[in-house]
Amino acid sequence: MFVLVEHISYIDIITESIKAILVLALLVILWRCGKRYPDLAGGSWNLILIGFVCIDIGMFLDVSDEIISYRNTSDLVDLVENTIEEGCSMLGFVLITVGFSKWFQFVGKFLGME
C-alpha cells in the first residue's frame, strides 16, 4: 500500500524529528505547568494545549513523508495526507493565537491589572 521513499534524506528526518520532539517537550512542559498552577490554567489554556497537539501531529506527518512515499499511492491518499498535515498545523496556530489572547486577558484580570 505505502512505498518507502527511494532516496531517504537522513538530514531532513533528523531535523524534522528534532523539531517535532521539541514541540512535544514544550507541550509536556505547558501541560505540567497547567497542572501545577490550576488557577492560572483557565479554559483558554486548553486551546493552547490542543493547538500544540495539532502542530505536533502535523510535524510528525511531515516526518513520515520523508520515509513513506505518498506519491506512489492514489491522488486521494496524497491529498488527504497533505490536507491533514497542513490543516493540523494551521489549526494549531489559530488555536494557540486565540488561546494566548484570551489567556493573557484572564491573567490580567487574575492579577488585578484590569
N, C-alpha and C. Protein backbone atom coordinates (compact mmCIF):
# COMPACT_ATOMS: atom_id res chain seq x y z
N MET A 1 0.84 -1.19 0.00
CA MET A 1 0.00 0.00 0.00
C MET A 1 0.88 1.26 0.00
N PHE A 2 1.74 1.40 1.00
CA PHE A 2 2.65 2.53 1.03
C PHE A 2 4.03 2.05 0.64
N VAL A 3 4.73 2.88 -0.09
CA VAL A 3 6.05 2.54 -0.58
C VAL A 3 7.06 3.48 0.09
N LEU A 4 8.22 2.92 0.42
CA LEU A 4 9.26 3.76 1.01
C LEU A 4 9.86 4.69 -0.04
N VAL A 5 10.33 5.83 0.39
CA VAL A 5 10.97 6.80 -0.49
C VAL A 5 12.26 6.18 -1.02
N GLU A 6 12.57 6.43 -2.29
CA GLU A 6 13.77 5.85 -2.89
C GLU A 6 15.04 6.39 -2.24
N HIS A 7 15.15 7.69 -2.13
CA HIS A 7 16.34 8.32 -1.56
C HIS A 7 15.94 9.04 -0.28
N ILE A 8 16.21 8.39 0.84
CA ILE A 8 15.85 8.96 2.14
C ILE A 8 16.88 10.01 2.53
N SER A 9 16.39 11.20 2.86
CA SER A 9 17.26 12.28 3.32
C SER A 9 17.31 12.23 4.85
N TYR A 10 18.39 11.66 5.35
CA TYR A 10 18.51 11.50 6.80
C TYR A 10 18.61 12.84 7.52
N ILE A 11 19.19 13.83 6.88
CA ILE A 11 19.27 15.16 7.49
C ILE A 11 17.86 15.72 7.70
N ASP A 12 16.99 15.58 6.69
CA ASP A 12 15.61 16.06 6.83
C ASP A 12 14.88 15.31 7.94
N ILE A 13 15.08 14.00 7.99
CA ILE A 13 14.41 13.21 9.02
C ILE A 13 14.88 13.65 10.40
N ILE A 14 16.18 13.84 10.55
CA ILE A 14 16.73 14.22 11.86
C ILE A 14 16.24 15.61 12.27
N THR A 15 16.33 16.58 11.35
CA THR A 15 15.93 17.95 11.71
C THR A 15 14.44 18.06 11.98
N GLU A 16 13.62 17.40 11.15
CA GLU A 16 12.17 17.46 11.37
C GLU A 16 11.78 16.70 12.62
N SER A 17 12.48 15.61 12.92
CA SER A 17 12.20 14.87 14.15
C SER A 17 12.56 15.70 15.38
N ILE A 18 13.68 16.40 15.32
CA ILE A 18 14.08 17.25 16.44
C ILE A 18 13.04 18.33 16.68
N LYS A 19 12.57 18.96 15.59
CA LYS A 19 11.53 19.99 15.75
C LYS A 19 10.28 19.41 16.39
N ALA A 20 9.83 18.24 15.93
CA ALA A 20 8.62 17.63 16.46
C ALA A 20 8.80 17.25 17.93
N ILE A 21 9.98 16.75 18.28
CA ILE A 21 10.25 16.37 19.67
C ILE A 21 10.30 17.60 20.56
N LEU A 22 10.88 18.70 20.07
CA LEU A 22 10.93 19.93 20.86
C LEU A 22 9.53 20.49 21.10
N VAL A 23 8.67 20.45 20.10
CA VAL A 23 7.30 20.91 20.28
C VAL A 23 6.57 20.00 21.26
N LEU A 24 6.83 18.69 21.18
CA LEU A 24 6.23 17.77 22.13
C LEU A 24 6.72 18.06 23.54
N ALA A 25 8.02 18.35 23.70
CA ALA A 25 8.55 18.69 25.02
C ALA A 25 7.91 19.97 25.55
N LEU A 26 7.74 20.97 24.69
CA LEU A 26 7.07 22.20 25.09
C LEU A 26 5.63 21.93 25.52
N LEU A 27 4.96 21.06 24.80
CA LEU A 27 3.59 20.68 25.16
C LEU A 27 3.55 20.03 26.54
N VAL A 28 4.48 19.14 26.81
CA VAL A 28 4.52 18.48 28.12
C VAL A 28 4.80 19.51 29.23
N ILE A 29 5.72 20.43 28.97
CA ILE A 29 6.03 21.46 29.97
C ILE A 29 4.81 22.33 30.25
N LEU A 30 4.11 22.75 29.20
CA LEU A 30 2.92 23.57 29.38
C LEU A 30 1.82 22.79 30.11
N TRP A 31 1.67 21.52 29.78
CA TRP A 31 0.65 20.70 30.44
C TRP A 31 0.96 20.56 31.93
N ARG A 32 2.24 20.32 32.24
CA ARG A 32 2.64 20.19 33.65
C ARG A 32 2.46 21.51 34.40
N CYS A 33 2.75 22.63 33.75
CA CYS A 33 2.53 23.94 34.38
C CYS A 33 1.05 24.17 34.66
N GLY A 34 0.21 23.74 33.73
CA GLY A 34 -1.23 23.87 33.93
C GLY A 34 -1.72 23.03 35.09
N LYS A 35 -1.12 21.86 35.28
CA LYS A 35 -1.48 21.00 36.42
C LYS A 35 -0.94 21.57 37.73
N ARG A 36 0.24 22.18 37.67
CA ARG A 36 0.87 22.73 38.88
C ARG A 36 0.15 23.99 39.35
N TYR A 37 -0.30 24.82 38.41
CA TYR A 37 -0.98 26.08 38.72
C TYR A 37 -2.36 26.10 38.09
N PRO A 38 -3.30 25.33 38.65
CA PRO A 38 -4.62 25.23 38.02
C PRO A 38 -5.40 26.55 38.02
N ASP A 39 -5.08 27.44 38.97
CA ASP A 39 -5.78 28.73 39.00
C ASP A 39 -5.43 29.58 37.78
N LEU A 40 -4.22 29.42 37.26
CA LEU A 40 -3.81 30.19 36.09
C LEU A 40 -4.17 29.50 34.77
N ALA A 41 -4.51 28.23 34.84
CA ALA A 41 -4.85 27.49 33.62
C ALA A 41 -6.35 27.53 33.42
N GLY A 42 -6.82 28.63 32.84
CA GLY A 42 -8.24 28.77 32.58
C GLY A 42 -8.67 27.96 31.37
N GLY A 43 -9.88 28.18 30.89
CA GLY A 43 -10.40 27.43 29.76
C GLY A 43 -9.61 27.65 28.48
N SER A 44 -9.03 28.83 28.34
CA SER A 44 -8.25 29.10 27.14
C SER A 44 -6.93 28.34 27.15
N TRP A 45 -6.49 27.88 28.32
CA TRP A 45 -5.26 27.09 28.41
C TRP A 45 -5.40 25.81 27.60
N ASN A 46 -6.60 25.23 27.62
CA ASN A 46 -6.85 24.02 26.84
C ASN A 46 -6.72 24.29 25.34
N LEU A 47 -7.13 25.48 24.91
CA LEU A 47 -6.96 25.83 23.49
C LEU A 47 -5.48 25.84 23.11
N ILE A 48 -4.66 26.36 24.00
CA ILE A 48 -3.22 26.41 23.74
C ILE A 48 -2.66 25.00 23.64
N LEU A 49 -3.03 24.14 24.58
CA LEU A 49 -2.54 22.76 24.57
C LEU A 49 -3.01 22.00 23.33
N ILE A 50 -4.28 22.15 22.98
CA ILE A 50 -4.80 21.47 21.79
C ILE A 50 -4.11 22.00 20.54
N GLY A 51 -3.81 23.29 20.51
CA GLY A 51 -3.09 23.87 19.38
C GLY A 51 -1.72 23.24 19.21
N PHE A 52 -1.00 23.06 20.32
CA PHE A 52 0.31 22.42 20.23
C PHE A 52 0.20 20.95 19.82
N VAL A 53 -0.87 20.27 20.25
CA VAL A 53 -1.09 18.88 19.82
C VAL A 53 -1.30 18.85 18.30
N CYS A 54 -2.10 19.76 17.78
CA CYS A 54 -2.35 19.81 16.33
C CYS A 54 -1.06 20.07 15.56
N ILE A 55 -0.27 21.01 16.04
CA ILE A 55 1.00 21.31 15.36
C ILE A 55 1.92 20.09 15.39
N ASP A 56 1.96 19.39 16.51
CA ASP A 56 2.82 18.22 16.62
C ASP A 56 2.35 17.10 15.69
N ILE A 57 1.04 16.91 15.55
CA ILE A 57 0.53 15.91 14.61
C ILE A 57 0.99 16.25 13.20
N GLY A 58 0.87 17.53 12.82
CA GLY A 58 1.34 17.96 11.50
C GLY A 58 2.82 17.73 11.31
N MET A 59 3.60 17.98 12.37
CA MET A 59 5.05 17.79 12.27
C MET A 59 5.41 16.30 12.15
N PHE A 60 4.74 15.43 12.89
CA PHE A 60 5.04 14.01 12.78
C PHE A 60 4.62 13.47 11.42
N LEU A 61 3.54 13.99 10.85
CA LEU A 61 3.18 13.60 9.49
C LEU A 61 4.22 14.10 8.50
N ASP A 62 4.79 15.26 8.76
CA ASP A 62 5.84 15.80 7.90
C ASP A 62 7.07 14.89 7.94
N VAL A 63 7.38 14.36 9.11
CA VAL A 63 8.50 13.42 9.22
C VAL A 63 8.18 12.14 8.46
N SER A 64 6.93 11.69 8.56
CA SER A 64 6.57 10.42 7.92
C SER A 64 6.68 10.49 6.40
N ASP A 65 6.44 11.66 5.80
CA ASP A 65 6.53 11.71 4.34
C ASP A 65 7.97 11.76 3.84
N GLU A 66 8.93 11.83 4.77
CA GLU A 66 10.33 11.68 4.39
C GLU A 66 10.70 10.20 4.25
N ILE A 67 9.87 9.33 4.81
CA ILE A 67 10.13 7.89 4.79
C ILE A 67 9.15 7.17 3.87
N ILE A 68 7.88 7.53 3.98
CA ILE A 68 6.83 6.88 3.18
C ILE A 68 6.52 7.76 1.98
N SER A 69 6.49 7.17 0.81
CA SER A 69 6.18 7.91 -0.41
C SER A 69 4.67 7.84 -0.65
N TYR A 70 4.02 8.94 -0.41
CA TYR A 70 2.58 9.00 -0.68
C TYR A 70 2.31 9.28 -2.15
N ARG A 71 3.32 9.64 -2.88
CA ARG A 71 3.16 9.96 -4.30
C ARG A 71 2.83 8.71 -5.12
N ASN A 72 3.27 7.54 -4.66
CA ASN A 72 3.01 6.31 -5.39
C ASN A 72 1.63 5.75 -5.09
N THR A 73 0.92 6.37 -4.16
CA THR A 73 -0.43 5.93 -3.84
C THR A 73 -1.41 6.75 -4.67
N SER A 74 -2.66 6.57 -4.40
CA SER A 74 -3.67 7.32 -5.16
C SER A 74 -3.58 8.81 -4.84
N ASP A 75 -4.13 9.60 -5.73
CA ASP A 75 -4.13 11.05 -5.51
C ASP A 75 -4.93 11.42 -4.27
N LEU A 76 -5.94 10.61 -3.97
CA LEU A 76 -6.77 10.87 -2.80
C LEU A 76 -5.95 10.72 -1.51
N VAL A 77 -5.13 9.68 -1.42
CA VAL A 77 -4.30 9.47 -0.23
C VAL A 77 -3.31 10.63 -0.08
N ASP A 78 -2.71 11.05 -1.19
CA ASP A 78 -1.77 12.17 -1.15
C ASP A 78 -2.47 13.45 -0.72
N LEU A 79 -3.66 13.69 -1.25
CA LEU A 79 -4.44 14.87 -0.89
C LEU A 79 -4.81 14.85 0.59
N VAL A 80 -5.26 13.70 1.08
CA VAL A 80 -5.67 13.58 2.48
C VAL A 80 -4.46 13.81 3.39
N GLU A 81 -3.31 13.21 3.05
CA GLU A 81 -2.11 13.38 3.88
C GLU A 81 -1.69 14.84 3.92
N ASN A 82 -1.66 15.49 2.77
CA ASN A 82 -1.27 16.91 2.73
C ASN A 82 -2.28 17.79 3.46
N THR A 83 -3.55 17.49 3.30
CA THR A 83 -4.60 18.27 3.95
C THR A 83 -4.51 18.14 5.47
N ILE A 84 -4.31 16.91 5.95
CA ILE A 84 -4.20 16.71 7.40
C ILE A 84 -2.94 17.38 7.93
N GLU A 85 -1.82 17.20 7.22
CA GLU A 85 -0.56 17.78 7.67
C GLU A 85 -0.64 19.30 7.76
N GLU A 86 -1.07 19.95 6.70
CA GLU A 86 -1.14 21.41 6.68
C GLU A 86 -2.31 21.93 7.51
N GLY A 87 -3.44 21.22 7.45
CA GLY A 87 -4.61 21.65 8.21
C GLY A 87 -4.38 21.60 9.71
N CYS A 88 -3.71 20.54 10.17
CA CYS A 88 -3.40 20.44 11.60
C CYS A 88 -2.49 21.58 12.03
N SER A 89 -1.49 21.87 11.23
CA SER A 89 -0.57 22.94 11.59
C SER A 89 -1.27 24.29 11.65
N MET A 90 -2.07 24.59 10.62
CA MET A 90 -2.77 25.88 10.60
C MET A 90 -3.77 25.99 11.74
N LEU A 91 -4.53 24.91 11.97
CA LEU A 91 -5.50 24.92 13.06
C LEU A 91 -4.79 25.10 14.39
N GLY A 92 -3.64 24.45 14.55
CA GLY A 92 -2.87 24.59 15.78
C GLY A 92 -2.45 26.02 16.03
N PHE A 93 -1.94 26.69 14.99
CA PHE A 93 -1.52 28.08 15.18
C PHE A 93 -2.70 28.99 15.49
N VAL A 94 -3.84 28.74 14.88
CA VAL A 94 -5.03 29.54 15.18
C VAL A 94 -5.46 29.33 16.64
N LEU A 95 -5.49 28.07 17.07
CA LEU A 95 -5.89 27.78 18.45
C LEU A 95 -4.92 28.39 19.46
N ILE A 96 -3.63 28.32 19.17
CA ILE A 96 -2.64 28.91 20.07
C ILE A 96 -2.80 30.43 20.14
N THR A 97 -3.03 31.05 18.99
CA THR A 97 -3.21 32.50 18.95
C THR A 97 -4.43 32.93 19.76
N VAL A 98 -5.56 32.27 19.52
CA VAL A 98 -6.78 32.60 20.25
C VAL A 98 -6.61 32.27 21.74
N GLY A 99 -5.99 31.13 22.03
CA GLY A 99 -5.80 30.72 23.41
C GLY A 99 -4.94 31.69 24.19
N PHE A 100 -3.79 32.10 23.62
CA PHE A 100 -2.94 33.05 24.33
C PHE A 100 -3.61 34.41 24.47
N SER A 101 -4.35 34.82 23.44
CA SER A 101 -5.04 36.10 23.51
C SER A 101 -6.02 36.12 24.69
N LYS A 102 -6.80 35.08 24.80
CA LYS A 102 -7.77 35.00 25.91
C LYS A 102 -7.07 34.75 27.24
N TRP A 103 -6.00 33.98 27.21
CA TRP A 103 -5.30 33.66 28.45
C TRP A 103 -4.65 34.90 29.06
N PHE A 104 -4.06 35.77 28.20
CA PHE A 104 -3.46 37.00 28.72
C PHE A 104 -4.52 37.90 29.35
N GLN A 105 -5.70 37.95 28.75
CA GLN A 105 -6.79 38.73 29.36
C GLN A 105 -7.17 38.13 30.72
N PHE A 106 -7.25 36.81 30.77
CA PHE A 106 -7.59 36.12 32.01
C PHE A 106 -6.54 36.38 33.10
N VAL A 107 -5.27 36.29 32.74
CA VAL A 107 -4.20 36.52 33.71
C VAL A 107 -4.19 37.97 34.17
N GLY A 108 -4.47 38.90 33.26
CA GLY A 108 -4.56 40.31 33.65
C GLY A 108 -5.65 40.53 34.69
N LYS A 109 -6.80 39.91 34.51
CA LYS A 109 -7.88 40.04 35.49
C LYS A 109 -7.50 39.31 36.78
N PHE A 110 -6.87 38.17 36.64
CA PHE A 110 -6.47 37.37 37.80
C PHE A 110 -5.49 38.14 38.68
N LEU A 111 -4.59 38.87 38.07
CA LEU A 111 -3.60 39.64 38.81
C LEU A 111 -4.08 41.03 39.20
N GLY A 112 -5.31 41.37 38.80
CA GLY A 112 -5.89 42.67 39.17
C GLY A 112 -5.32 43.81 38.35
N MET A 113 -4.88 43.53 37.14
CA MET A 113 -4.29 44.58 36.30
C MET A 113 -5.35 45.24 35.44
N GLU A 114 -6.55 44.73 35.42
CA GLU A 114 -7.60 45.34 34.61
C GLU A 114 -8.70 45.84 35.51
